[in-house]
Amino acid sequence: MTATSIAGRRAAEELTAQRGSYEAALSLGMSRREGVGLVGRDAAGLALVPGLDQTRTVGLVTLPGAFVGVLLAGASPLQAGAVQVLVLVALLLVQVLAVSVTVELISAGLLPIGTEPLPE
């Protein structure tokens, strides 16, 4: 949820701040989707930073729940580590998909970003 809300908020802010760039992209013949993608690409990347930071600190700062749970269930540390890596990769994948869908919905005009609609 954090990545999705950051992506939506940052994309809306970027589209408002760079409205001229968006309109210039439209005047050059780009579609609405391409124009929003051009302006909102950085917002999507920034939305993934909290998840990446959290992934970097797992095991160093906190003991991950999946790792401890698998160890308590009787598995080896290697198996527990493999399960934890799988969980972390799955979480990052879901965040990437959620951010991509959010930016696509904004590009398609299906997700409102403010009071004033973007020109087509």
C-alpha atoms as a PDB file:
ATOM      1  CA  MET A   1       0.000   0.000   0.000  1.00  0.00           C
ATOM      2  CA  THR A   2       2.838   2.382   0.720  1.00  0.00           C
ATOM      3  CA  ALA A   3       4.305   2.015  -2.771  1.00  0.00           C
ATOM      4  CA  THR A   4       0.902   2.479  -4.402  1.00  0.00           C
ATOM      5  CA  SER A   5       0.033   5.608  -2.448  1.00  0.00           C
ATOM      6  CA  ILE A   6       3.479   7.117  -3.014  1.00  0.00           C
ATOM      7  CA  ALA A   7       3.283   6.354  -6.739  1.00  0.00           C
ATOM      8  CA  GLY A   8      -0.128   7.981  -7.071  1.00  0.00           C
ATOM      9  CA  ARG A   9       0.754  11.015  -4.998  1.00  0.00           C
ATOM     10  CA  ARG A  10       4.133  11.598  -6.670  1.00  0.00           C
ATOM     11  CA  ALA A  11       2.704  11.076 -10.170  1.00  0.00           C
ATOM     12  CA  ALA A  12      -0.016  13.632  -9.459  1.00  0.00           C
ATOM     13  CA  GLU A  13       2.547  16.093  -8.110  1.00  0.00           C
ATOM     14  CA  GLU A  14       4.844  15.584 -11.092  1.00  0.00           C
ATOM     15  CA  LEU A  15       2.003  16.003 -13.577  1.00  0.00           C
ATOM     16  CA  THR A  16       0.969  19.218 -11.864  1.00  0.00           C
ATOM     17  CA  ALA A  17       4.534  20.542 -11.651  1.00  0.00           C
ATOM     18  CA  GLN A  18       5.479  19.467 -15.181  1.00  0.00           C
ATOM     19  CA  ARG A  19       2.200  20.190 -16.921  1.00  0.00           C
ATOM     20  CA  GLY A  20       4.078  22.074 -19.624  1.00  0.00           C
ATOM     21  CA  SER A  21       6.237  19.044 -20.381  1.00  0.00           C
ATOM     22  CA  TYR A  22       3.139  16.851 -20.543  1.00  0.00           C
ATOM     23  CA  GLU A  23       1.401  19.248 -22.934  1.00  0.00           C
ATOM     24  CA  ALA A  24       4.572  19.532 -25.021  1.00  0.00           C
ATOM     25  CA  ALA A  25       4.641  15.739 -25.333  1.00  0.00           C
ATOM     26  CA  LEU A  26       1.027  15.803 -26.528  1.00  0.00           C
ATOM     27  CA  SER A  27       1.802  18.543 -29.048  1.00  0.00           C
ATOM     28  CA  LEU A  28       4.621  16.405 -30.452  1.00  0.00           C
ATOM     29  CA  GLY A  29       2.131  13.639 -31.190  1.00  0.00           C
ATOM     30  CA  MET A  30       2.571  11.432 -28.155  1.00  0.00           C
ATOM     31  CA  SER A  31      -0.480   9.748 -26.707  1.00  0.00           C
ATOM     32  CA  ARG A  32      -1.817  10.565 -23.252  1.00  0.00           C
ATOM     33  CA  ARG A  33      -0.267   7.338 -21.953  1.00  0.00           C
ATOM     34  CA  GLU A  34       3.157   8.187 -23.366  1.00  0.00           C
ATOM     35  CA  GLY A  35       2.998  11.729 -21.998  1.00  0.00           C
ATOM     36  CA  VAL A  36       2.072  10.600 -18.501  1.00  0.00           C
ATOM     37  CA  GLY A  37       4.736   7.891 -18.676  1.00  0.00           C
ATOM     38  CA  LEU A  38       7.343  10.445 -19.666  1.00  0.00           C
ATOM     39  CA  VAL A  39       6.518  12.683 -16.707  1.00  0.00           C
ATOM     40  CA  GLY A  40       5.557   9.992 -14.171  1.00  0.00           C
ATOM     41  CA  ARG A  41       8.402   7.526 -14.698  1.00  0.00           C
ATOM     42  CA  ASP A  42      10.519   9.015 -11.913  1.00  0.00           C
ATOM     43  CA  ALA A  43       7.556   8.958  -9.533  1.00  0.00           C
ATOM     44  CA  ALA A  44       7.163   5.223 -10.087  1.00  0.00           C
ATOM     45  CA  GLY A  45      10.830   4.636  -9.337  1.00  0.00           C
ATOM     46  CA  LEU A  46      10.709   6.701  -6.160  1.00  0.00           C
ATOM     47  CA  ALA A  47       7.682   4.767  -4.943  1.00  0.00           C
ATOM     48  CA  LEU A  48       9.767   1.591  -4.770  1.00  0.00           C
ATOM     49  CA  VAL A  49      12.505   3.071  -2.562  1.00  0.00           C
ATOM     50  CA  PRO A  50      10.862   2.293   0.840  1.00  0.00           C
ATOM     51  CA  GLY A  51      10.401  -1.370  -0.098  1.00  0.00           C
ATOM     52  CA  LEU A  52      13.967  -1.655  -1.331  1.00  0.00           C
ATOM     53  CA  ASP A  53      15.301  -0.024   1.831  1.00  0.00           C
ATOM     54  CA  GLN A  54      13.281  -2.392   3.994  1.00  0.00           C
ATOM     55  CA  THR A  55      14.584  -5.372   2.026  1.00  0.00           C
ATOM     56  CA  ARG A  56      18.175  -4.253   2.527  1.00  0.00           C
ATOM     57  CA  THR A  57      17.842  -4.162   6.298  1.00  0.00           C
ATOM     58  CA  VAL A  58      16.127  -7.539   6.729  1.00  0.00           C
ATOM     59  CA  GLY A  59      18.414  -9.829   8.666  1.00  0.00           C
ATOM     60  CA  LEU A  60      20.707  -7.008   9.741  1.00  0.00           C
ATOM     61  CA  VAL A  61      18.362  -4.947  11.857  1.00  0.00           C
ATOM     62  CA  THR A  62      15.399  -7.280  12.377  1.00  0.00           C
ATOM     63  CA  LEU A  63      14.892 -11.009  12.360  1.00  0.00           C
ATOM     64  CA  PRO A  64      12.305 -11.672   9.661  1.00  0.00           C
ATOM     65  CA  GLY A  65       9.197 -13.541  10.721  1.00  0.00           C
ATOM     66  CA  ALA A  66       9.293 -16.086   7.914  1.00  0.00           C
ATOM     67  CA  PHE A  67      12.889 -17.001   8.734  1.00  0.00           C
ATOM     68  CA  VAL A  68      12.222 -17.487  12.449  1.00  0.00           C
ATOM     69  CA  GLY A  69       8.979 -19.346  11.798  1.00  0.00           C
ATOM     70  CA  VAL A  70      10.606 -21.830   9.455  1.00  0.00           C
ATOM     71  CA  LEU A  71      13.480 -22.363  11.904  1.00  0.00           C
ATOM     72  CA  LEU A  72      11.034 -23.017  14.744  1.00  0.00           C
ATOM     73  CA  ALA A  73       9.219 -25.503  12.528  1.00  0.00           C
ATOM     74  CA  GLY A  74      12.400 -27.554  12.352  1.00  0.00           C
ATOM     75  CA  ALA A  75      13.900 -26.604   9.000  1.00  0.00           C
ATOM     76  CA  SER A  76      17.575 -25.944   8.443  1.00  0.00           C
ATOM     77  CA  PRO A  77      18.924 -22.372   8.378  1.00  0.00           C
ATOM     78  CA  LEU A  78      19.543 -22.753   4.632  1.00  0.00           C
ATOM     79  CA  GLN A  79      15.904 -23.663   4.016  1.00  0.00           C
ATOM     80  CA  ALA A  80      14.742 -20.822   6.256  1.00  0.00           C
ATOM     81  CA  GLY A  81      16.948 -18.393   4.328  1.00  0.00           C
ATOM     82  CA  ALA A  82      15.558 -19.633   1.017  1.00  0.00           C
ATOM     83  CA  VAL A  83      11.992 -19.119   2.242  1.00  0.00           C
ATOM     84  CA  GLN A  84      12.837 -15.607   3.431  1.00  0.00           C
ATOM     85  CA  VAL A  85      14.413 -14.693   0.085  1.00  0.00           C
ATOM     86  CA  LEU A  86      11.314 -16.001  -1.685  1.00  0.00           C
ATOM     87  CA  VAL A  87       9.070 -13.876   0.551  1.00  0.00           C
ATOM     88  CA  LEU A  88      11.164 -10.734  -0.022  1.00  0.00           C
ATOM     89  CA  VAL A  89      11.284 -11.204  -3.790  1.00  0.00           C
ATOM     90  CA  ALA A  90       7.519 -11.812  -3.863  1.00  0.00           C
ATOM     91  CA  LEU A  91       6.894  -8.617  -1.873  1.00  0.00           C
ATOM     92  CA  LEU A  92       9.069  -6.579  -4.222  1.00  0.00           C
ATOM     93  CA  LEU A  93       7.345  -8.089  -7.255  1.00  0.00           C
ATOM     94  CA  VAL A  94       3.916  -7.207  -5.885  1.00  0.00           C
ATOM     95  CA  GLN A  95       5.071  -3.648  -5.212  1.00  0.00           C
ATOM     96  CA  VAL A  96       6.381  -3.294  -8.760  1.00  0.00           C
ATOM     97  CA  LEU A  97       3.096  -4.582 -10.175  1.00  0.00           C
ATOM     98  CA  ALA A  98       1.029  -2.286  -7.929  1.00  0.00           C
ATOM     99  CA  VAL A  99       3.066   0.779  -8.905  1.00  0.00           C
ATOM    100  CA  SER A 100       2.829  -0.151 -12.602  1.00  0.00           C
ATOM    101  CA  VAL A 101      -0.941  -0.567 -12.405  1.00  0.00           C
ATOM    102  CA  THR A 102      -1.294   2.747 -10.556  1.00  0.00           C
ATOM    103  CA  VAL A 103       0.696   4.644 -13.184  1.00  0.00           C
ATOM    104  CA  GLU A 104      -1.236   2.890 -15.983  1.00  0.00           C
ATOM    105  CA  LEU A 105      -4.573   3.826 -14.409  1.00  0.00           C
ATOM    106  CA  ILE A 106      -3.439   7.434 -14.158  1.00  0.00           C
ATOM    107  CA  SER A 107      -2.246   7.299 -17.777  1.00  0.00           C
ATOM    108  CA  ALA A 108      -5.595   5.962 -18.931  1.00  0.00           C
ATOM    109  CA  GLY A 109      -7.461   8.633 -16.991  1.00  0.00           C
ATOM    110  CA  LEU A 110      -9.248   6.029 -14.862  1.00  0.00           C
ATOM    111  CA  LEU A 111      -7.636   7.188 -11.625  1.00  0.00           C
ATOM    112  CA  PRO A 112      -8.291  10.867 -10.908  1.00  0.00           C
ATOM    113  CA  ILE A 113      -5.233  12.833  -9.865  1.00  0.00           C
ATOM    114  CA  GLY A 114      -6.729  16.180  -8.986  1.00  0.00           C
ATOM    115  CA  THR A 115      -9.548  18.574  -9.565  1.00  0.00           C
ATOM    116  CA  GLU A 116      -8.469  19.619 -13.045  1.00  0.00           C
ATOM    117  CA  PRO A 117      -8.433  16.860 -15.701  1.00  0.00           C
ATOM    118  CA  LEU A 118      -5.440  16.422 -17.963  1.00  0.00           C
ATOM    119  CA  PRO A 119      -5.870  17.448 -21.598  1.00  0.00           C
ATOM    120  CA  GLU A 120      -6.256  14.591 -24.051  1.00  0.00           C
END
